[in-house]
Amino acid sequence: MACKRDDSNENRAHISGYSLLEQPNVKALSKALKVQPVTVAVEVRRSFQSYKRGVYSEVASCGSRLNHAVLATG
């Protein structure tokens, strides 16, 4: 089956700008999420493969070997 490509502009998202959180923290992230989706970099460890729901927290630290990008919405 061939892909049905839509070349109209009706269903496309247009990015008009972006901003970076000066001091990334839960309060700043929560505030940004009230306005728009936010891209987040995370360090995923092996335990994430069996994650199903809820808040994922392997360890208390944020990690320094970021290896996945996700989109946070809310």
Protein backbone atom coordinates (compact mmCIF):
# COMPACT_ATOMS: atom_id res chain seq x y z
CA MET A 1 0.00 0.00 0.00
CA ALA A 2 1.38 3.41 -0.95
CA CYS A 3 1.66 6.21 1.58
CA LYS A 4 -1.04 8.86 1.16
CA ARG A 5 0.95 12.07 1.31
CA ASP A 6 -0.88 15.32 2.06
CA ASP A 7 0.99 18.29 0.58
CA SER A 8 -1.46 20.88 1.89
CA ASN A 9 -0.44 23.10 4.78
CA GLU A 10 -3.63 22.34 6.73
CA ASN A 11 -2.22 19.55 8.90
CA ARG A 12 1.30 20.81 9.50
CA ALA A 13 2.71 22.30 12.65
CA HIS A 14 4.72 25.48 12.33
CA ILE A 15 7.32 26.32 14.95
CA SER A 16 7.55 30.05 15.50
CA GLY A 17 10.20 30.03 18.21
CA TYR A 18 11.61 28.30 21.25
CA SER A 19 13.12 29.09 24.63
CA LEU A 20 15.45 27.35 27.06
CA LEU A 21 14.81 27.02 30.77
CA GLU A 22 17.43 29.13 32.53
CA GLN A 23 17.52 26.95 35.65
CA PRO A 24 15.94 23.58 34.84
CA ASN A 25 13.85 22.44 37.80
CA VAL A 26 10.40 21.02 38.49
CA LYS A 27 8.79 24.43 39.06
CA ALA A 28 10.12 25.90 35.79
CA LEU A 29 9.18 22.75 33.85
CA SER A 30 5.63 22.78 35.29
CA LYS A 31 5.21 26.43 34.32
CA ALA A 32 6.43 25.79 30.75
CA LEU A 33 4.15 22.74 30.36
CA LYS A 34 1.10 24.91 31.03
CA VAL A 35 1.88 26.79 27.81
CA GLN A 36 3.34 24.22 25.39
CA PRO A 37 4.93 20.78 25.02
CA VAL A 38 8.55 20.65 26.21
CA THR A 39 11.39 18.52 24.89
CA VAL A 40 13.34 16.82 27.66
CA ALA A 41 16.62 14.89 27.57
CA VAL A 42 16.87 11.93 29.95
CA GLU A 43 19.38 9.26 30.86
CA VAL A 44 17.59 5.97 30.26
CA ARG A 45 18.90 2.92 32.07
CA ARG A 46 18.13 -0.74 31.54
CA SER A 47 15.26 -0.68 34.08
CA PHE A 48 13.36 1.69 31.76
CA GLN A 49 12.73 -1.19 29.35
CA SER A 50 10.11 -2.64 31.69
CA TYR A 51 8.58 0.72 32.74
CA LYS A 52 4.79 0.65 32.39
CA ARG A 53 3.23 3.68 34.13
CA GLY A 54 3.57 6.27 36.86
CA VAL A 55 6.67 8.27 37.73
CA TYR A 56 9.89 6.62 36.58
CA SER A 57 12.76 7.16 39.01
CA GLU A 58 15.78 4.88 38.81
CA VAL A 59 17.85 7.00 41.18
CA ALA A 60 17.55 10.34 42.94
CA SER A 61 20.08 12.06 40.66
CA CYS A 62 19.21 13.34 37.19
CA GLY A 63 22.04 11.58 35.40
CA SER A 64 24.79 13.02 33.26
CA ARG A 65 24.83 10.60 30.31
CA LEU A 66 21.74 11.82 28.46
CA ASN A 67 20.79 9.35 25.77
CA HIS A 68 17.09 9.87 24.93
CA ALA A 69 14.91 12.80 23.99
CA VAL A 70 11.21 12.78 24.88
CA LEU A 71 8.33 15.21 24.55
CA ALA A 72 6.63 16.16 27.81
CA THR A 73 3.04 17.35 27.61
CA GLY A 74 0.63 18.25 30.29
